[in-house]
C-alpha atoms as a PDB file:
ATOM      1  CA  MET A   1      -2.047  14.604   8.360  1.00  0.00           C
ATOM      2  CA  GLU A   2      -1.379  13.571  11.553  1.00  0.00           C
ATOM      3  CA  ALA A   3      -0.156   9.344  11.951  1.00  0.00           C
ATOM      4  CA  LEU A   4      -2.884   7.483  13.132  1.00  0.00           C
ATOM      5  CA  ILE A   5      -2.462   4.767  15.482  1.00  0.00           C
ATOM      6  CA  SER A   6      -4.533   1.423  16.044  1.00  0.00           C
ATOM      7  CA  PRO A   7      -3.254  -1.323  18.598  1.00  0.00           C
ATOM      8  CA  SER A   8      -0.567  -2.875  16.557  1.00  0.00           C
ATOM      9  CA  ILE A   9       0.202  -0.175  13.807  1.00  0.00           C
ATOM     10  CA  GLU A  10       0.291   3.567  13.086  1.00  0.00           C
ATOM     11  CA  TRP A  11       0.304   4.953   9.653  1.00  0.00           C
ATOM     12  CA  ALA A  12       0.357   8.350   7.762  1.00  0.00           C
ATOM     13  CA  VAL A  13       0.060   9.176   4.112  1.00  0.00           C
ATOM     14  CA  ALA A  14       1.440  11.520   1.964  1.00  0.00           C
ATOM     15  CA  ASP A  15      -0.160  12.729  -1.186  1.00  0.00           C
ATOM     16  CA  LEU A  16      -0.546  15.183  -4.861  1.00  0.00           C
ATOM     17  CA  VAL A  17      -3.216  15.586  -7.233  1.00  0.00           C
ATOM     18  CA  GLN A  18      -2.050  15.644 -10.404  1.00  0.00           C
ATOM     19  CA  PRO A  19      -1.380  18.987 -11.992  1.00  0.00           C
ATOM     20  CA  GLY A  20      -4.842  20.087 -13.736  1.00  0.00           C
ATOM     21  CA  GLN A  21      -6.878  17.522 -12.141  1.00  0.00           C
ATOM     22  CA  SER A  22      -9.246  18.139  -9.153  1.00  0.00           C
ATOM     23  CA  GLU A  23      -9.557  14.592  -7.754  1.00  0.00           C
ATOM     24  CA  SER A  24      -6.710  12.128  -7.447  1.00  0.00           C
ATOM     25  CA  GLY A  25      -7.074   8.047  -8.676  1.00  0.00           C
ATOM     26  CA  ASP A  26      -4.510   6.784  -6.078  1.00  0.00           C
ATOM     27  CA  ARG A  27      -6.388   6.030  -2.643  1.00  0.00           C
ATOM     28  CA  SER A  28      -4.815   4.384   0.726  1.00  0.00           C
ATOM     29  CA  VAL A  29      -7.298   1.465   2.884  1.00  0.00           C
ATOM     30  CA  VAL A  30      -5.964   1.240   6.371  1.00  0.00           C
ATOM     31  CA  LEU A  31      -8.513  -1.259   8.030  1.00  0.00           C
ATOM     32  CA  PRO A  32      -8.622  -2.752  11.412  1.00  0.00           C
ATOM     33  CA  THR A  33      -9.024  -6.441  11.683  1.00  0.00           C
ATOM     34  CA  GLY A  34      -9.081  -9.444  14.482  1.00  0.00           C
ATOM     35  CA  GLU A  35      -5.694 -10.457  13.868  1.00  0.00           C
ATOM     36  CA  GLY A  36      -3.965  -6.646  12.996  1.00  0.00           C
ATOM     37  CA  GLY A  37      -5.058  -4.862  10.376  1.00  0.00           C
ATOM     38  CA  LEU A  38      -5.125  -4.537   6.282  1.00  0.00           C
ATOM     39  CA  VAL A  39      -3.538  -1.668   4.598  1.00  0.00           C
ATOM     40  CA  ALA A  40      -3.623  -1.253   1.009  1.00  0.00           C
ATOM     41  CA  VAL A  41      -2.810   1.401  -2.002  1.00  0.00           C
ATOM     42  CA  VAL A  42      -4.919   1.688  -4.719  1.00  0.00           C
ATOM     43  CA  ASP A  43      -3.883   3.521  -8.070  1.00  0.00           C
ATOM     44  CA  GLY A  44      -6.876   3.560 -10.975  1.00  0.00           C
ATOM     45  CA  LEU A  45      -5.677   3.740 -14.231  1.00  0.00           C
ATOM     46  CA  GLY A  46      -5.036   6.634 -16.269  1.00  0.00           C
ATOM     47  CA  HIS A  47      -6.266   9.906 -13.903  1.00  0.00           C
ATOM     48  CA  GLY A  48      -8.839  12.350 -13.242  1.00  0.00           C
ATOM     49  CA  ALA A  49     -12.633  11.314 -12.593  1.00  0.00           C
ATOM     50  CA  GLU A  50     -12.599   7.757 -14.242  1.00  0.00           C
ATOM     51  CA  ALA A  51      -9.522   6.776 -12.626  1.00  0.00           C
ATOM     52  CA  ALA A  52     -10.305   8.056  -9.403  1.00  0.00           C
ATOM     53  CA  SER A  53     -13.953   6.169  -9.740  1.00  0.00           C
ATOM     54  CA  ALA A  54     -12.260   2.715 -10.152  1.00  0.00           C
ATOM     55  CA  ALA A  55     -10.050   3.381  -6.930  1.00  0.00           C
ATOM     56  CA  LYS A  56     -12.782   4.260  -5.276  1.00  0.00           C
ATOM     57  CA  VAL A  57     -14.784   0.597  -6.265  1.00  0.00           C
ATOM     58  CA  ALA A  58     -11.827  -0.886  -5.117  1.00  0.00           C
ATOM     59  CA  VAL A  59     -11.462   0.683  -2.074  1.00  0.00           C
ATOM     60  CA  ARG A  60     -15.166  -0.149  -1.202  1.00  0.00           C
ATOM     61  CA  ALA A  61     -14.587  -4.261  -2.131  1.00  0.00           C
ATOM     62  CA  LEU A  62     -11.198  -3.686   0.332  1.00  0.00           C
ATOM     63  CA  GLU A  63     -13.707  -2.440   2.994  1.00  0.00           C
ATOM     64  CA  ARG A  64     -16.242  -5.271   2.824  1.00  0.00           C
ATOM     65  CA  GLY A  65     -13.421  -7.848   2.943  1.00  0.00           C
ATOM     66  CA  ALA A  66     -10.948  -6.663   4.863  1.00  0.00           C
ATOM     67  CA  ASN A  67     -10.870  -9.485   7.118  1.00  0.00           C
ATOM     68  CA  ARG A  68     -10.847 -12.318   4.216  1.00  0.00           C
ATOM     69  CA  PRO A  69      -7.483 -14.022   3.213  1.00  0.00           C
ATOM     70  CA  VAL A  70      -5.613 -11.561   1.022  1.00  0.00           C
ATOM     71  CA  ILE A  71      -6.084 -13.157  -2.281  1.00  0.00           C
ATOM     72  CA  GLN A  72      -9.495 -13.529  -2.188  1.00  0.00           C
ATOM     73  CA  LEU A  73      -9.563 -10.140  -1.622  1.00  0.00           C
ATOM     74  CA  PHE A  74      -7.394  -9.326  -4.770  1.00  0.00           C
ATOM     75  CA  ARG A  75     -10.290 -11.823  -6.290  1.00  0.00           C
ATOM     76  CA  ASP A  76     -13.421  -9.565  -4.690  1.00  0.00           C
ATOM     77  CA  CYS A  77     -11.671  -6.567  -6.120  1.00  0.00           C
ATOM     78  CA  HIS A  78     -11.428  -7.461  -9.611  1.00  0.00           C
ATOM     79  CA  SER A  79     -14.692  -9.110 -10.133  1.00  0.00           C
ATOM     80  CA  SER A  80     -16.167  -5.223  -8.554  1.00  0.00           C
ATOM     81  CA  LEU A  81     -13.825  -3.343 -11.050  1.00  0.00           C
ATOM     82  CA  ILE A  82     -15.164  -5.423 -13.820  1.00  0.00           C
ATOM     83  CA  GLY A  83     -16.677  -2.769 -16.350  1.00  0.00           C
ATOM     84  CA  THR A  84     -14.341  -0.001 -15.003  1.00  0.00           C
ATOM     85  CA  ARG A  85     -10.810   0.653 -16.385  1.00  0.00           C
ATOM     86  CA  GLY A  86      -9.417  -0.749 -13.709  1.00  0.00           C
ATOM     87  CA  ALA A  87      -6.364  -0.093 -10.902  1.00  0.00           C
ATOM     88  CA  VAL A  88      -3.532  -1.527  -9.657  1.00  0.00           C
ATOM     89  CA  ILE A  89      -3.095  -2.810  -5.990  1.00  0.00           C
ATOM     90  CA  SER A  90      -0.982  -3.582  -3.379  1.00  0.00           C
ATOM     91  CA  ALA A  91      -1.849  -4.848  -0.147  1.00  0.00           C
ATOM     92  CA  ALA A  92      -0.794  -6.177   3.169  1.00  0.00           C
ATOM     93  CA  ALA A  93      -2.668  -8.135   5.844  1.00  0.00           C
ATOM     94  CA  PHE A  94      -0.618  -7.627   9.264  1.00  0.00           C
ATOM     95  CA  ASN A  95      -1.328 -10.377  12.135  1.00  0.00           C
ATOM     96  CA  ALA A  96       0.084  -9.625  15.575  1.00  0.00           C
ATOM     97  CA  ARG A  97      -0.947 -13.172  17.048  1.00  0.00           C
ATOM     98  CA  ASP A  98       1.982 -14.510  15.210  1.00  0.00           C
ATOM     99  CA  GLU A  99       3.950 -11.775  14.024  1.00  0.00           C
ATOM    100  CA  SER A 100       4.040 -11.790   9.998  1.00  0.00           C
ATOM    101  CA  MET A 101       2.696  -9.853   7.488  1.00  0.00           C
ATOM    102  CA  THR A 102       0.703 -11.264   4.387  1.00  0.00           C
ATOM    103  CA  TRP A 103       1.506  -9.159   1.196  1.00  0.00           C
ATOM    104  CA  LEU A 104       0.756  -8.973  -2.418  1.00  0.00           C
ATOM    105  CA  GLY A 105       1.098  -6.794  -5.544  1.00  0.00           C
ATOM    106  CA  VAL A 106      -0.666  -6.319  -8.954  1.00  0.00           C
ATOM    107  CA  GLY A 107       0.690  -3.883 -11.206  1.00  0.00           C
ATOM    108  CA  ASP A 108       3.098  -0.973 -10.087  1.00  0.00           C
ATOM    109  CA  VAL A 109       2.480  -0.148  -6.665  1.00  0.00           C
ATOM    110  CA  GLU A 110       5.769  -0.322  -5.260  1.00  0.00           C
ATOM    111  CA  GLY A 111       6.198  -1.984  -1.695  1.00  0.00           C
ATOM    112  CA  ARG A 112       9.305  -1.649   0.797  1.00  0.00           C
ATOM    113  CA  LEU A 113       9.665  -3.103   4.270  1.00  0.00           C
ATOM    114  CA  LEU A 114      12.188  -1.349   6.599  1.00  0.00           C
ATOM    115  CA  ARG A 115      13.678  -3.408   9.240  1.00  0.00           C
ATOM    116  CA  ALA A 116      13.853  -1.824  12.649  1.00  0.00           C
ATOM    117  CA  PRO A 117      17.422  -1.295  13.991  1.00  0.00           C
ATOM    118  CA  THR A 118      17.112  -4.036  16.345  1.00  0.00           C
ATOM    119  CA  SER A 119      16.072  -6.393  13.683  1.00  0.00           C
ATOM    120  CA  ALA A 120      18.708  -9.215  12.691  1.00  0.00           C
ATOM    121  CA  GLY A 121      18.911 -10.260   8.937  1.00  0.00           C
ATOM    122  CA  PRO A 122      18.570  -8.550   5.881  1.00  0.00           C
ATOM    123  CA  ARG A 123      17.889  -4.232   6.258  1.00  0.00           C
ATOM    124  CA  MET A 124      14.583  -4.293   3.475  1.00  0.00           C
ATOM    125  CA  GLU A 125      12.776  -6.610   1.815  1.00  0.00           C
ATOM    126  CA  SER A 126      11.105  -5.878  -1.435  1.00  0.00           C
ATOM    127  CA  LEU A 127       7.315  -6.410  -2.393  1.00  0.00           C
ATOM    128  CA  LEU A 128       7.094  -8.840  -5.640  1.00  0.00           C
ATOM    129  CA  LEU A 129       4.963  -7.506  -8.234  1.00  0.00           C
ATOM    130  CA  ARG A 130       2.719  -9.264 -10.197  1.00  0.00           C
ATOM    131  CA  GLY A 131       2.184  -8.285 -13.795  1.00  0.00           C
ATOM    132  CA  GLY A 132      -1.510  -7.647 -14.552  1.00  0.00           C
ATOM    133  CA  VAL A 133      -4.561  -4.818 -14.055  1.00  0.00           C
ATOM    134  CA  VAL A 134      -7.246  -6.224 -11.496  1.00  0.00           C
ATOM    135  CA  GLY A 135     -10.344  -5.676 -13.211  1.00  0.00           C
ATOM    136  CA  VAL A 136      -8.652  -6.109 -16.330  1.00  0.00           C
ATOM    137  CA  HIS A 137      -6.265  -9.046 -16.312  1.00  0.00           C
ATOM    138  CA  LEU A 138      -5.538 -10.526 -12.760  1.00  0.00           C
ATOM    139  CA  PRO A 139      -2.624 -12.821 -12.973  1.00  0.00           C
ATOM    140  CA  THR A 140      -2.181 -16.108 -10.965  1.00  0.00           C
ATOM    141  CA  LEU A 141      -2.028 -14.597  -7.424  1.00  0.00           C
ATOM    142  CA  VAL A 142       0.791 -15.766  -4.880  1.00  0.00           C
ATOM    143  CA  SER A 143       1.180 -14.080  -1.931  1.00  0.00           C
ATOM    144  CA  ALA A 144       4.283 -13.330   0.345  1.00  0.00           C
ATOM    145  CA  VAL A 145       4.143 -14.249   4.404  1.00  0.00           C
ATOM    146  CA  VAL A 146       7.116 -12.357   6.353  1.00  0.00           C
ATOM    147  CA  PRO A 147       8.172 -12.226   9.879  1.00  0.00           C
ATOM    148  CA  ILE A 148       7.509  -8.622  11.238  1.00  0.00           C
ATOM    149  CA  HIS A 149       9.152  -7.165  14.459  1.00  0.00           C
ATOM    150  CA  ARG A 150       8.139  -4.197  16.415  1.00  0.00           C
ATOM    151  CA  GLY A 151       9.159  -0.882  14.793  1.00  0.00           C
ATOM    152  CA  ASP A 152       9.819  -2.555  11.001  1.00  0.00           C
ATOM    153  CA  THR A 153       8.045  -0.096   8.483  1.00  0.00           C
ATOM    154  CA  LEU A 154       6.035  -1.002   5.960  1.00  0.00           C
ATOM    155  CA  ILE A 155       6.168   1.667   2.580  1.00  0.00           C
ATOM    156  CA  PHE A 156       3.563   1.954  -0.504  1.00  0.00           C
ATOM    157  CA  ALA A 157       3.908   4.015  -2.823  1.00  0.00           C
ATOM    158  CA  THR A 158       2.580   4.674  -6.299  1.00  0.00           C
ATOM    159  CA  ASP A 159       3.746   5.220 -10.024  1.00  0.00           C
ATOM    160  CA  GLY A 160       3.582   9.018  -9.229  1.00  0.00           C
ATOM    161  CA  VAL A 161       6.733   8.084  -7.064  1.00  0.00           C
ATOM    162  CA  ARG A 162      10.093   7.354  -8.627  1.00  0.00           C
ATOM    163  CA  SER A 163      10.522   3.603  -7.915  1.00  0.00           C
ATOM    164  CA  ASP A 164      14.381   4.809  -7.283  1.00  0.00           C
ATOM    165  CA  PHE A 165      13.559   5.621  -3.742  1.00  0.00           C
ATOM    166  CA  LEU A 166      13.631   1.430  -3.299  1.00  0.00           C
ATOM    167  CA  ASP A 167      17.325   1.846  -3.357  1.00  0.00           C
ATOM    168  CA  ALA A 168      17.985   4.567  -1.459  1.00  0.00           C
ATOM    169  CA  PRO A 169      18.964   4.963   2.251  1.00  0.00           C
ATOM    170  CA  LEU A 170      15.719   6.081   3.926  1.00  0.00           C
ATOM    171  CA  PRO A 171      15.643   7.960   7.072  1.00  0.00           C
ATOM    172  CA  GLN A 172      14.643   6.702  10.355  1.00  0.00           C
ATOM    173  CA  LEU A 173      11.318   8.965  10.762  1.00  0.00           C
ATOM    174  CA  GLU A 174       8.175   9.039  12.624  1.00  0.00           C
ATOM    175  CA  PRO A 175       5.805   7.685   9.637  1.00  0.00           C
ATOM    176  CA  GLN A 176       4.504  11.378   8.569  1.00  0.00           C
ATOM    177  CA  ALA A 177       7.792  12.411   8.611  1.00  0.00           C
ATOM    178  CA  LEU A 178       9.102   9.840   6.024  1.00  0.00           C
ATOM    179  CA  ALA A 179       5.864   9.963   3.524  1.00  0.00           C
ATOM    180  CA  ASP A 180       6.487  12.997   3.397  1.00  0.00           C
ATOM    181  CA  HIS A 181       9.640  12.820   2.703  1.00  0.00           C
ATOM    182  CA  ILE A 182       9.598  10.268  -0.070  1.00  0.00           C
ATOM    183  CA  LEU A 183       7.091  11.947  -1.686  1.00  0.00           C
ATOM    184  CA  ALA A 184       9.023  15.468  -1.661  1.00  0.00           C
ATOM    185  CA  ARG A 185      11.940  14.151  -2.586  1.00  0.00           C
ATOM    186  CA  TRP A 186      10.835  11.447  -5.489  1.00  0.00           C
ATOM    187  CA  GLY A 187       7.610  12.471  -6.188  1.00  0.00           C
ATOM    188  CA  THR A 188       7.465  13.202 -10.736  1.00  0.00           C
ATOM    189  CA  GLN A 189       5.166  15.774  -9.903  1.00  0.00           C
ATOM    190  CA  THR A 190       3.599  15.037 -13.267  1.00  0.00           C
ATOM    191  CA  ASP A 191       1.254  12.405 -12.288  1.00  0.00           C
ATOM    192  CA  ASP A 192      -1.146  11.246  -9.062  1.00  0.00           C
ATOM    193  CA  ALA A 193       1.301  10.422  -6.321  1.00  0.00           C
ATOM    194  CA  LEU A 194       0.657   8.605  -2.593  1.00  0.00           C
ATOM    195  CA  VAL A 195       2.779   7.474  -0.625  1.00  0.00           C
ATOM    196  CA  LEU A 196       1.621   5.479   2.612  1.00  0.00           C
ATOM    197  CA  VAL A 197       4.190   4.862   5.724  1.00  0.00           C
ATOM    198  CA  VAL A 198       2.736   1.673   8.445  1.00  0.00           C
ATOM    199  CA  ARG A 199       5.034   0.798  11.156  1.00  0.00           C
ATOM    200  CA  TYR A 200       4.303  -2.061  13.468  1.00  0.00           C
ATOM    201  CA  LEU A 201       4.043  -1.616  17.259  1.00  0.00           C
ATOM    202  CA  GLY A 202       3.760  -5.495  18.258  1.00  0.00           C
ATOM    203  CA  PRO A 203       0.954  -6.973  19.794  1.00  0.00           C
ATOM    204  CA  ALA A 204      -1.648  -5.026  21.278  1.00  0.00           C
END
């Protein structure tokens, strides 16, 4: 898939369906908002049709409320997912006006923010994940707001990607090449897997 561009971000996805299954329970969402953009990765519990069904419910809830605060979005997803097997979700809202990103994760969709080479401070930051399952058990929700700069890169990856990618030095690549690299090197090959790479382009 070619990287797609909106005024403030560009992004790309690499994904694999678990061998033997026809449909993935891992989904990504990238939506424009009034402030910049909402991005998220959803992993329906388990695999196969029921996992895919739960993921689709969560995606629809995210699409309906893309402009809402991130914490409220998770509550909306939780209400929509009750009665399904549930999902784990990580999401981030980009605000190009004040150059910030608000992110939140429930479950085990890993998140990492790689700073652009020109940025000062730590080279990367990791998303603090809250234990729970959206639609089954929603924990106390606390989002984090971090400053972002042109060229910073956000990576979300489901549990079909080994989490040790978080500790590895990653090359400076375009979004699609980076997503493909992470999936090829750290994908487990035994589960649905999805990597979403989002690069911040700065204010429109």
